[in-house]
């Protein structure tokens, strides 16, 4: 919920966006990946 707001805010401010993760299972990584089409870099 907050990650999506951060993407939108950063874009409005003209900033680039990267979506990252910790060491996680495919559960949390797949959650972050839902936003990946909207970012510049993915880790």
ModelCIF file with pLDDT and N, C-alpha, C, O atoms, coordinates in Angstrom:
data_MODEL
#
_entry.id   MODEL 
#
_entity.id                         1 
_entity.type                       polymer 
_entity.pdbx_number_of_molecules   1 
#
_entity_poly.entity_id                      1 
_entity_poly.type                           'polypeptide(L)' 
_entity_poly.nstd_linkage                   no 
_entity_poly.nstd_monomer                   no 
_entity_poly.pdbx_seq_one_letter_code       
;(UNK)(UNK)(UNK)(UNK)(UNK)(UNK)(UNK)(UNK)(UNK)(UNK)(UNK)(UNK)(UNK)(UNK)(UNK)(UNK)
(UNK)(UNK)(UNK)(UNK)(UNK)(UNK)(UNK)(UNK)(UNK)(UNK)(UNK)(UNK)(UNK)(UNK)(UNK)(UNK)
(UNK)(UNK)(UNK)(UNK)(UNK)(UNK)(UNK)(UNK)(UNK)(UNK)(UNK)
;
_entity_poly.pdbx_seq_one_letter_code_can   XXXXXXXXXXXXXXXXXXXXXXXXXXXXXXXXXXXXXXXXXXX 
_entity_poly.pdbx_strand_id                 A 
#
loop_
_entity_poly_seq.entity_id 
_entity_poly_seq.num 
_entity_poly_seq.mon_id 
_entity_poly_seq.hetero 
1 1  UNK n 
1 2  UNK n 
1 3  UNK n 
1 4  UNK n 
1 5  UNK n 
1 6  UNK n 
1 7  UNK n 
1 8  UNK n 
1 9  UNK n 
1 10 UNK n 
1 11 UNK n 
1 12 UNK n 
1 13 UNK n 
1 14 UNK n 
1 15 UNK n 
1 16 UNK n 
1 17 UNK n 
1 18 UNK n 
1 19 UNK n 
1 20 UNK n 
1 21 UNK n 
1 22 UNK n 
1 23 UNK n 
1 24 UNK n 
1 25 UNK n 
1 26 UNK n 
1 27 UNK n 
1 28 UNK n 
1 29 UNK n 
1 30 UNK n 
1 31 UNK n 
1 32 UNK n 
1 33 UNK n 
1 34 UNK n 
1 35 UNK n 
1 36 UNK n 
1 37 UNK n 
1 38 UNK n 
1 39 UNK n 
1 40 UNK n 
1 41 UNK n 
1 42 UNK n 
1 43 UNK n 
#
_struct_asym.id          A 
_struct_asym.entity_id   1 
#
loop_
_ma_qa_metric.id 
_ma_qa_metric.mode 
_ma_qa_metric.name 
_ma_qa_metric.software_group_id 
_ma_qa_metric.type 
1 global pLDDT . pLDDT 
2 local  pLDDT . pLDDT 
#
_ma_qa_metric_global.metric_id      1 
_ma_qa_metric_global.metric_value   97.35 
_ma_qa_metric_global.model_id       1 
_ma_qa_metric_global.ordinal_id     1 
#
loop_
_ma_qa_metric_local.label_asym_id 
_ma_qa_metric_local.label_comp_id 
_ma_qa_metric_local.label_seq_id 
_ma_qa_metric_local.metric_id 
_ma_qa_metric_local.metric_value 
_ma_qa_metric_local.model_id 
_ma_qa_metric_local.ordinal_id 
A UNK 1  2 98.00 1 1  
A UNK 2  2 98.00 1 2  
A UNK 3  2 98.00 1 3  
A UNK 4  2 98.00 1 4  
A UNK 5  2 98.00 1 5  
A UNK 6  2 98.00 1 6  
A UNK 7  2 98.00 1 7  
A UNK 8  2 98.00 1 8  
A UNK 9  2 98.00 1 9  
A UNK 10 2 98.00 1 10 
A UNK 11 2 97.00 1 11 
A UNK 12 2 97.00 1 12 
A UNK 13 2 96.00 1 13 
A UNK 14 2 96.00 1 14 
A UNK 15 2 97.00 1 15 
A UNK 16 2 98.00 1 16 
A UNK 17 2 98.00 1 17 
A UNK 18 2 98.00 1 18 
A UNK 19 2 98.00 1 19 
A UNK 20 2 96.00 1 20 
A UNK 21 2 95.00 1 21 
A UNK 22 2 93.00 1 22 
A UNK 23 2 94.00 1 23 
A UNK 24 2 97.00 1 24 
A UNK 25 2 98.00 1 25 
A UNK 26 2 98.00 1 26 
A UNK 27 2 98.00 1 27 
A UNK 28 2 98.00 1 28 
A UNK 29 2 98.00 1 29 
A UNK 30 2 98.00 1 30 
A UNK 31 2 98.00 1 31 
A UNK 32 2 98.00 1 32 
A UNK 33 2 98.00 1 33 
A UNK 34 2 98.00 1 34 
A UNK 35 2 98.00 1 35 
A UNK 36 2 98.00 1 36 
A UNK 37 2 98.00 1 37 
A UNK 38 2 98.00 1 38 
A UNK 39 2 98.00 1 39 
A UNK 40 2 97.00 1 40 
A UNK 41 2 96.00 1 41 
A UNK 42 2 97.00 1 42 
A UNK 43 2 96.00 1 43 
#
loop_
_atom_site.group_PDB 
_atom_site.id 
_atom_site.type_symbol 
_atom_site.label_atom_id 
_atom_site.label_alt_id 
_atom_site.label_comp_id 
_atom_site.label_asym_id 
_atom_site.label_entity_id 
_atom_site.label_seq_id 
_atom_site.pdbx_PDB_ins_code 
_atom_site.Cartn_x 
_atom_site.Cartn_y 
_atom_site.Cartn_z 
_atom_site.occupancy 
_atom_site.B_iso_or_equiv 
_atom_site.pdbx_formal_charge 
_atom_site.auth_seq_id 
_atom_site.auth_comp_id 
_atom_site.auth_asym_id 
_atom_site.auth_atom_id 
_atom_site.pdbx_PDB_model_num 
ATOM 1   N N  . UNK A 1 1  ? 0.834  -1.198  0.000   1.00 98.00 ? 1  UNK A N  1 
ATOM 2   C CA . UNK A 1 1  ? 0.000  0.000   0.000   1.00 98.00 ? 1  UNK A CA 1 
ATOM 3   C C  . UNK A 1 1  ? 0.872  1.251   0.000   1.00 98.00 ? 1  UNK A C  1 
ATOM 4   O O  . UNK A 1 1  ? 0.673  2.147   -0.820  1.00 98.00 ? 1  UNK A O  1 
ATOM 5   N N  . UNK A 1 2  ? 1.827  1.315   0.909   1.00 98.00 ? 2  UNK A N  1 
ATOM 6   C CA . UNK A 1 2  ? 2.693  2.489   0.992   1.00 98.00 ? 2  UNK A CA 1 
ATOM 7   C C  . UNK A 1 2  ? 3.697  2.519   -0.153  1.00 98.00 ? 2  UNK A C  1 
ATOM 8   O O  . UNK A 1 2  ? 4.043  3.594   -0.642  1.00 98.00 ? 2  UNK A O  1 
ATOM 9   N N  . UNK A 1 3  ? 4.168  1.358   -0.585  1.00 98.00 ? 3  UNK A N  1 
ATOM 10  C CA . UNK A 1 3  ? 5.126  1.317   -1.694  1.00 98.00 ? 3  UNK A CA 1 
ATOM 11  C C  . UNK A 1 3  ? 4.540  1.952   -2.950  1.00 98.00 ? 3  UNK A C  1 
ATOM 12  O O  . UNK A 1 3  ? 5.223  2.704   -3.645  1.00 98.00 ? 3  UNK A O  1 
ATOM 13  N N  . UNK A 1 4  ? 3.271  1.651   -3.242  1.00 98.00 ? 4  UNK A N  1 
ATOM 14  C CA . UNK A 1 4  ? 2.630  2.242   -4.419  1.00 98.00 ? 4  UNK A CA 1 
ATOM 15  C C  . UNK A 1 4  ? 2.543  3.761   -4.282  1.00 98.00 ? 4  UNK A C  1 
ATOM 16  O O  . UNK A 1 4  ? 2.747  4.482   -5.258  1.00 98.00 ? 4  UNK A O  1 
ATOM 17  N N  . UNK A 1 5  ? 2.248  4.241   -3.101  1.00 98.00 ? 5  UNK A N  1 
ATOM 18  C CA . UNK A 1 5  ? 2.202  5.684   -2.878  1.00 98.00 ? 5  UNK A CA 1 
ATOM 19  C C  . UNK A 1 5  ? 3.587  6.311   -3.068  1.00 98.00 ? 5  UNK A C  1 
ATOM 20  O O  . UNK A 1 5  ? 3.703  7.418   -3.594  1.00 98.00 ? 5  UNK A O  1 
ATOM 21  N N  . UNK A 1 6  ? 4.630  5.603   -2.642  1.00 98.00 ? 6  UNK A N  1 
ATOM 22  C CA . UNK A 1 6  ? 5.991  6.113   -2.788  1.00 98.00 ? 6  UNK A CA 1 
ATOM 23  C C  . UNK A 1 6  ? 6.389  6.206   -4.259  1.00 98.00 ? 6  UNK A C  1 
ATOM 24  O O  . UNK A 1 6  ? 7.024  7.172   -4.679  1.00 98.00 ? 6  UNK A O  1 
ATOM 25  N N  . UNK A 1 7  ? 6.009  5.193   -5.035  1.00 98.00 ? 7  UNK A N  1 
ATOM 26  C CA . UNK A 1 7  ? 6.281  5.242   -6.474  1.00 98.00 ? 7  UNK A CA 1 
ATOM 27  C C  . UNK A 1 7  ? 5.626  6.467   -7.089  1.00 98.00 ? 7  UNK A C  1 
ATOM 28  O O  . UNK A 1 7  ? 6.265  7.215   -7.829  1.00 98.00 ? 7  UNK A O  1 
ATOM 29  N N  . UNK A 1 8  ? 4.360  6.671   -6.785  1.00 98.00 ? 8  UNK A N  1 
ATOM 30  C CA . UNK A 1 8  ? 3.615  7.786   -7.376  1.00 98.00 ? 8  UNK A CA 1 
ATOM 31  C C  . UNK A 1 8  ? 4.193  9.140   -6.939  1.00 98.00 ? 8  UNK A C  1 
ATOM 32  O O  . UNK A 1 8  ? 4.297  10.064  -7.746  1.00 98.00 ? 8  UNK A O  1 
ATOM 33  N N  . UNK A 1 9  ? 4.563  9.248   -5.677  1.00 98.00 ? 9  UNK A N  1 
ATOM 34  C CA . UNK A 1 9  ? 5.114  10.502  -5.158  1.00 98.00 ? 9  UNK A CA 1 
ATOM 35  C C  . UNK A 1 9  ? 6.462  10.796  -5.807  1.00 98.00 ? 9  UNK A C  1 
ATOM 36  O O  . UNK A 1 9  ? 6.705  11.912  -6.265  1.00 98.00 ? 9  UNK A O  1 
ATOM 37  N N  . UNK A 1 10 ? 7.335  9.795   -5.844  1.00 98.00 ? 10 UNK A N  1 
ATOM 38  C CA . UNK A 1 10 ? 8.656  9.991   -6.430  1.00 98.00 ? 10 UNK A CA 1 
ATOM 39  C C  . UNK A 1 10 ? 8.550  10.398  -7.900  1.00 98.00 ? 10 UNK A C  1 
ATOM 40  O O  . UNK A 1 10 ? 9.261  11.292  -8.358  1.00 98.00 ? 10 UNK A O  1 
ATOM 41  N N  . UNK A 1 11 ? 7.662  9.738   -8.626  1.00 97.00 ? 11 UNK A N  1 
ATOM 42  C CA . UNK A 1 11 ? 7.465  10.083  -10.032 1.00 97.00 ? 11 UNK A CA 1 
ATOM 43  C C  . UNK A 1 11 ? 6.988  11.534  -10.178 1.00 97.00 ? 11 UNK A C  1 
ATOM 44  O O  . UNK A 1 11 ? 7.440  12.252  -11.070 1.00 97.00 ? 11 UNK A O  1 
ATOM 45  N N  . UNK A 1 12 ? 6.083  11.956  -9.306  1.00 97.00 ? 12 UNK A N  1 
ATOM 46  C CA . UNK A 1 12 ? 5.581  13.324  -9.360  1.00 97.00 ? 12 UNK A CA 1 
ATOM 47  C C  . UNK A 1 12 ? 6.682  14.342  -9.095  1.00 97.00 ? 12 UNK A C  1 
ATOM 48  O O  . UNK A 1 12 ? 6.619  15.475  -9.573  1.00 97.00 ? 12 UNK A O  1 
ATOM 49  N N  . UNK A 1 13 ? 7.696  13.931  -8.327  1.00 96.00 ? 13 UNK A N  1 
ATOM 50  C CA . UNK A 1 13 ? 8.824  14.807  -8.017  1.00 96.00 ? 13 UNK A CA 1 
ATOM 51  C C  . UNK A 1 13 ? 9.955  14.681  -9.036  1.00 96.00 ? 13 UNK A C  1 
ATOM 52  O O  . UNK A 1 13 ? 11.000 15.313  -8.881  1.00 96.00 ? 13 UNK A O  1 
ATOM 53  N N  . UNK A 1 14 ? 9.755  13.870  -10.077 1.00 96.00 ? 14 UNK A N  1 
ATOM 54  C CA . UNK A 1 14 ? 10.772 13.721  -11.107 1.00 96.00 ? 14 UNK A CA 1 
ATOM 55  C C  . UNK A 1 14 ? 11.931 12.832  -10.720 1.00 96.00 ? 14 UNK A C  1 
ATOM 56  O O  . UNK A 1 14 ? 13.001 12.917  -11.322 1.00 96.00 ? 14 UNK A O  1 
ATOM 57  N N  . UNK A 1 15 ? 11.739 11.973  -9.719  1.00 97.00 ? 15 UNK A N  1 
ATOM 58  C CA . UNK A 1 15 ? 12.807 11.083  -9.263  1.00 97.00 ? 15 UNK A CA 1 
ATOM 59  C C  . UNK A 1 15 ? 12.677 9.713   -9.920  1.00 97.00 ? 15 UNK A C  1 
ATOM 60  O O  . UNK A 1 15 ? 11.585 9.288   -10.295 1.00 97.00 ? 15 UNK A O  1 
ATOM 61  N N  . UNK A 1 16 ? 13.805 9.040   -10.050 1.00 98.00 ? 16 UNK A N  1 
ATOM 62  C CA . UNK A 1 16 ? 13.805 7.665   -10.532 1.00 98.00 ? 16 UNK A CA 1 
ATOM 63  C C  . UNK A 1 16 ? 13.414 6.741   -9.383  1.00 98.00 ? 16 UNK A C  1 
ATOM 64  O O  . UNK A 1 16 ? 13.482 7.117   -8.212  1.00 98.00 ? 16 UNK A O  1 
ATOM 65  N N  . UNK A 1 17 ? 13.004 5.528   -9.741  1.00 98.00 ? 17 UNK A N  1 
ATOM 66  C CA . UNK A 1 17 ? 12.525 4.583   -8.735  1.00 98.00 ? 17 UNK A CA 1 
ATOM 67  C C  . UNK A 1 17 ? 13.150 3.211   -8.968  1.00 98.00 ? 17 UNK A C  1 
ATOM 68  O O  . UNK A 1 17 ? 13.271 2.733   -10.096 1.00 98.00 ? 17 UNK A O  1 
ATOM 69  N N  . UNK A 1 18 ? 13.536 2.607   -7.866  1.00 98.00 ? 18 UNK A N  1 
ATOM 70  C CA . UNK A 1 18 ? 14.040 1.237   -7.852  1.00 98.00 ? 18 UNK A CA 1 
ATOM 71  C C  . UNK A 1 18 ? 13.187 0.454   -6.854  1.00 98.00 ? 18 UNK A C  1 
ATOM 72  O O  . UNK A 1 18 ? 12.845 0.974   -5.792  1.00 98.00 ? 18 UNK A O  1 
ATOM 73  N N  . UNK A 1 19 ? 12.847 -0.775  -7.182  1.00 98.00 ? 19 UNK A N  1 
ATOM 74  C CA . UNK A 1 19 ? 12.141 -1.626  -6.229  1.00 98.00 ? 19 UNK A CA 1 
ATOM 75  C C  . UNK A 1 19 ? 13.098 -2.729  -5.806  1.00 98.00 ? 19 UNK A C  1 
ATOM 76  O O  . UNK A 1 19 ? 13.648 -3.442  -6.645  1.00 98.00 ? 19 UNK A O  1 
ATOM 77  N N  . UNK A 1 20 ? 13.294 -2.864  -4.499  1.00 96.00 ? 20 UNK A N  1 
ATOM 78  C CA . UNK A 1 20 ? 14.258 -3.827  -3.983  1.00 96.00 ? 20 UNK A CA 1 
ATOM 79  C C  . UNK A 1 20 ? 13.624 -4.799  -3.012  1.00 96.00 ? 20 UNK A C  1 
ATOM 80  O O  . UNK A 1 20 ? 12.404 -4.826  -2.850  1.00 96.00 ? 20 UNK A O  1 
ATOM 81  N N  . UNK A 1 21 ? 14.455 -5.593  -2.368  1.00 95.00 ? 21 UNK A N  1 
ATOM 82  C CA . UNK A 1 21 ? 13.954 -6.591  -1.425  1.00 95.00 ? 21 UNK A CA 1 
ATOM 83  C C  . UNK A 1 21 ? 15.044 -6.929  -0.424  1.00 95.00 ? 21 UNK A C  1 
ATOM 84  O O  . UNK A 1 21 ? 16.196 -6.521  -0.574  1.00 95.00 ? 21 UNK A O  1 
ATOM 85  N N  . UNK A 1 22 ? 14.668 -7.669  0.585   1.00 93.00 ? 22 UNK A N  1 
ATOM 86  C CA . UNK A 1 22 ? 15.613 -8.285  1.508   1.00 93.00 ? 22 UNK A CA 1 
ATOM 87  C C  . UNK A 1 22 ? 15.822 -9.725  1.022   1.00 93.00 ? 22 UNK A C  1 
ATOM 88  O O  . UNK A 1 22 ? 15.395 -10.087 -0.075  1.00 93.00 ? 22 UNK A O  1 
ATOM 89  N N  . UNK A 1 23 ? 16.482 -10.536 1.847   1.00 94.00 ? 23 UNK A N  1 
ATOM 90  C CA . UNK A 1 23 ? 16.442 -11.972 1.607   1.00 94.00 ? 23 UNK A CA 1 
ATOM 91  C C  . UNK A 1 23 ? 15.047 -12.436 1.996   1.00 94.00 ? 23 UNK A C  1 
ATOM 92  O O  . UNK A 1 23 ? 14.678 -12.367 3.169   1.00 94.00 ? 23 UNK A O  1 
ATOM 93  N N  . UNK A 1 24 ? 14.270 -12.906 1.035   1.00 97.00 ? 24 UNK A N  1 
ATOM 94  C CA . UNK A 1 24 ? 12.862 -13.220 1.259   1.00 97.00 ? 24 UNK A CA 1 
ATOM 95  C C  . UNK A 1 24 ? 12.460 -14.440 0.442   1.00 97.00 ? 24 UNK A C  1 
ATOM 96  O O  . UNK A 1 24 ? 13.162 -14.828 -0.492  1.00 97.00 ? 24 UNK A O  1 
ATOM 97  N N  . UNK A 1 25 ? 11.346 -15.034 0.788   1.00 98.00 ? 25 UNK A N  1 
ATOM 98  C CA . UNK A 1 25 ? 10.784 -16.078 -0.062  1.00 98.00 ? 25 UNK A CA 1 
ATOM 99  C C  . UNK A 1 25 ? 10.117 -15.410 -1.267  1.00 98.00 ? 25 UNK A C  1 
ATOM 100 O O  . UNK A 1 25 ? 10.070 -14.185 -1.368  1.00 98.00 ? 25 UNK A O  1 
ATOM 101 N N  . UNK A 1 26 ? 9.611  -16.232 -2.165  1.00 98.00 ? 26 UNK A N  1 
ATOM 102 C CA . UNK A 1 26 ? 8.907  -15.698 -3.332  1.00 98.00 ? 26 UNK A CA 1 
ATOM 103 C C  . UNK A 1 26 ? 7.621  -14.981 -2.949  1.00 98.00 ? 26 UNK A C  1 
ATOM 104 O O  . UNK A 1 26 ? 7.034  -14.299 -3.789  1.00 98.00 ? 26 UNK A O  1 
ATOM 105 N N  . UNK A 1 27 ? 7.167  -15.111 -1.712  1.00 98.00 ? 27 UNK A N  1 
ATOM 106 C CA . UNK A 1 27 ? 5.976  -14.399 -1.266  1.00 98.00 ? 27 UNK A CA 1 
ATOM 107 C C  . UNK A 1 27 ? 6.204  -12.893 -1.310  1.00 98.00 ? 27 UNK A C  1 
ATOM 108 O O  . UNK A 1 27 ? 5.529  -12.188 -2.060  1.00 98.00 ? 27 UNK A O  1 
ATOM 109 N N  . UNK A 1 28 ? 7.142  -12.394 -0.518  1.00 98.00 ? 28 UNK A N  1 
ATOM 110 C CA . UNK A 1 28 ? 7.383  -10.949 -0.464  1.00 98.00 ? 28 UNK A CA 1 
ATOM 111 C C  . UNK A 1 28 ? 8.012  -10.436 -1.753  1.00 98.00 ? 28 UNK A C  1 
ATOM 112 O O  . UNK A 1 28 ? 7.727  -9.312  -2.166  1.00 98.00 ? 28 UNK A O  1 
ATOM 113 N N  . UNK A 1 29 ? 8.859  -11.232 -2.395  1.00 98.00 ? 29 UNK A N  1 
ATOM 114 C CA . UNK A 1 29 ? 9.461  -10.802 -3.664  1.00 98.00 ? 29 UNK A CA 1 
ATOM 115 C C  . UNK A 1 29 ? 8.378  -10.641 -4.729  1.00 98.00 ? 29 UNK A C  1 
ATOM 116 O O  . UNK A 1 29 ? 8.410  -9.685  -5.504  1.00 98.00 ? 29 UNK A O  1 
ATOM 117 N N  . UNK A 1 30 ? 7.427  -11.562 -4.773  1.00 98.00 ? 30 UNK A N  1 
ATOM 118 C CA . UNK A 1 30 ? 6.331  -11.454 -5.736  1.00 98.00 ? 30 UNK A CA 1 
ATOM 119 C C  . UNK A 1 30 ? 5.431  -10.264 -5.432  1.00 98.00 ? 30 UNK A C  1 
ATOM 120 O O  . UNK A 1 30 ? 4.863  -9.660  -6.342  1.00 98.00 ? 30 UNK A O  1 
ATOM 121 N N  . UNK A 1 31 ? 5.302  -9.931  -4.149  1.00 98.00 ? 31 UNK A N  1 
ATOM 122 C CA . UNK A 1 31 ? 4.529  -8.742  -3.778  1.00 98.00 ? 31 UNK A CA 1 
ATOM 123 C C  . UNK A 1 31 ? 5.189  -7.489  -4.334  1.00 98.00 ? 31 UNK A C  1 
ATOM 124 O O  . UNK A 1 31 ? 4.521  -6.651  -4.940  1.00 98.00 ? 31 UNK A O  1 
ATOM 125 N N  . UNK A 1 32 ? 6.489  -7.357  -4.133  1.00 98.00 ? 32 UNK A N  1 
ATOM 126 C CA . UNK A 1 32 ? 7.213  -6.199  -4.656  1.00 98.00 ? 32 UNK A CA 1 
ATOM 127 C C  . UNK A 1 32 ? 7.187  -6.177  -6.179  1.00 98.00 ? 32 UNK A C  1 
ATOM 128 O O  . UNK A 1 32 ? 7.112  -5.113  -6.793  1.00 98.00 ? 32 UNK A O  1 
ATOM 129 N N  . UNK A 1 33 ? 7.250  -7.360  -6.781  1.00 98.00 ? 33 UNK A N  1 
ATOM 130 C CA . UNK A 1 33 ? 7.299  -7.445  -8.238  1.00 98.00 ? 33 UNK A CA 1 
ATOM 131 C C  . UNK A 1 33 ? 6.027  -6.940  -8.898  1.00 98.00 ? 33 UNK A C  1 
ATOM 132 O O  . UNK A 1 33 ? 6.050  -6.586  -10.076 1.00 98.00 ? 33 UNK A O  1 
ATOM 133 N N  . UNK A 1 34 ? 4.910  -6.896  -8.163  1.00 98.00 ? 34 UNK A N  1 
ATOM 134 C CA . UNK A 1 34 ? 3.676  -6.369  -8.742  1.00 98.00 ? 34 UNK A CA 1 
ATOM 135 C C  . UNK A 1 34 ? 3.851  -4.916  -9.185  1.00 98.00 ? 34 UNK A C  1 
ATOM 136 O O  . UNK A 1 34 ? 3.152  -4.447  -10.083 1.00 98.00 ? 34 UNK A O  1 
ATOM 137 N N  . UNK A 1 35 ? 4.795  -4.204  -8.545  1.00 98.00 ? 35 UNK A N  1 
ATOM 138 C CA . UNK A 1 35 ? 5.067  -2.807  -8.877  1.00 98.00 ? 35 UNK A CA 1 
ATOM 139 C C  . UNK A 1 35 ? 6.157  -2.647  -9.934  1.00 98.00 ? 35 UNK A C  1 
ATOM 140 O O  . UNK A 1 35 ? 6.382  -1.540  -10.424 1.00 98.00 ? 35 UNK A O  1 
ATOM 141 N N  . UNK A 1 36 ? 6.824  -3.720  -10.285 1.00 98.00 ? 36 UNK A N  1 
ATOM 142 C CA . UNK A 1 36 ? 8.017  -3.613  -11.116 1.00 98.00 ? 36 UNK A CA 1 
ATOM 143 C C  . UNK A 1 36 ? 7.780  -2.985  -12.490 1.00 98.00 ? 36 UNK A C  1 
ATOM 144 O O  . UNK A 1 36 ? 8.696  -2.346  -13.006 1.00 98.00 ? 36 UNK A O  1 
ATOM 145 N N  . UNK A 1 37 ? 6.597  -3.128  -13.120 1.00 98.00 ? 37 UNK A N  1 
ATOM 146 C CA . UNK A 1 37 ? 6.429  -2.454  -14.408 1.00 98.00 ? 37 UNK A CA 1 
ATOM 147 C C  . UNK A 1 37 ? 6.484  -0.928  -14.315 1.00 98.00 ? 37 UNK A C  1 
ATOM 148 O O  . UNK A 1 37 ? 6.578  -0.254  -15.340 1.00 98.00 ? 37 UNK A O  1 
ATOM 149 N N  . UNK A 1 38 ? 6.428  -0.376  -13.098 1.00 98.00 ? 38 UNK A N  1 
ATOM 150 C CA . UNK A 1 38 ? 6.379  1.079   -12.917 1.00 98.00 ? 38 UNK A CA 1 
ATOM 151 C C  . UNK A 1 38 ? 7.722  1.680   -12.516 1.00 98.00 ? 38 UNK A C  1 
ATOM 152 O O  . UNK A 1 38 ? 7.795  2.875   -12.233 1.00 98.00 ? 38 UNK A O  1 
ATOM 153 N N  . UNK A 1 39 ? 8.805  0.864   -12.485 1.00 98.00 ? 39 UNK A N  1 
ATOM 154 C CA . UNK A 1 39 ? 10.071 1.363   -11.954 1.00 98.00 ? 39 UNK A CA 1 
ATOM 155 C C  . UNK A 1 39 ? 11.180 1.336   -13.010 1.00 98.00 ? 39 UNK A C  1 
ATOM 156 O O  . UNK A 1 39 ? 11.027 0.768   -14.091 1.00 98.00 ? 39 UNK A O  1 
ATOM 157 N N  . UNK A 1 40 ? 12.311 1.978   -12.652 1.00 97.00 ? 40 UNK A N  1 
ATOM 158 C CA . UNK A 1 40 ? 13.466 2.043   -13.555 1.00 97.00 ? 40 UNK A CA 1 
ATOM 159 C C  . UNK A 1 40 ? 14.422 0.877   -13.350 1.00 97.00 ? 40 UNK A C  1 
ATOM 160 O O  . UNK A 1 40 ? 14.973 0.343   -14.312 1.00 97.00 ? 40 UNK A O  1 
ATOM 161 N N  . UNK A 1 41 ? 14.617 0.487   -12.102 1.00 96.00 ? 41 UNK A N  1 
ATOM 162 C CA . UNK A 1 41 ? 15.504 -0.622  -11.763 1.00 96.00 ? 41 UNK A CA 1 
ATOM 163 C C  . UNK A 1 41 ? 14.780 -1.568  -10.815 1.00 96.00 ? 41 UNK A C  1 
ATOM 164 O O  . UNK A 1 41 ? 13.972 -1.138  -9.991  1.00 96.00 ? 41 UNK A O  1 
ATOM 165 N N  . UNK A 1 42 ? 15.074 -2.860  -10.936 1.00 97.00 ? 42 UNK A N  1 
ATOM 166 C CA . UNK A 1 42 ? 14.537 -3.850  -9.999  1.00 97.00 ? 42 UNK A CA 1 
ATOM 167 C C  . UNK A 1 42 ? 15.686 -4.676  -9.435  1.00 97.00 ? 42 UNK A C  1 
ATOM 168 O O  . UNK A 1 42 ? 16.561 -5.140  -10.167 1.00 97.00 ? 42 UNK A O  1 
ATOM 169 N N  . UNK A 1 43 ? 15.662 -4.845  -8.133  1.00 96.00 ? 43 UNK A N  1 
ATOM 170 C CA . UNK A 1 43 ? 16.628 -5.723  -7.450  1.00 96.00 ? 43 UNK A CA 1 
ATOM 171 C C  . UNK A 1 43 ? 15.803 -6.737  -6.670  1.00 96.00 ? 43 UNK A C  1 
ATOM 172 O O  . UNK A 1 43 ? 16.364 -7.603  -5.999  1.00 96.00 ? 43 UNK A O  1 
#
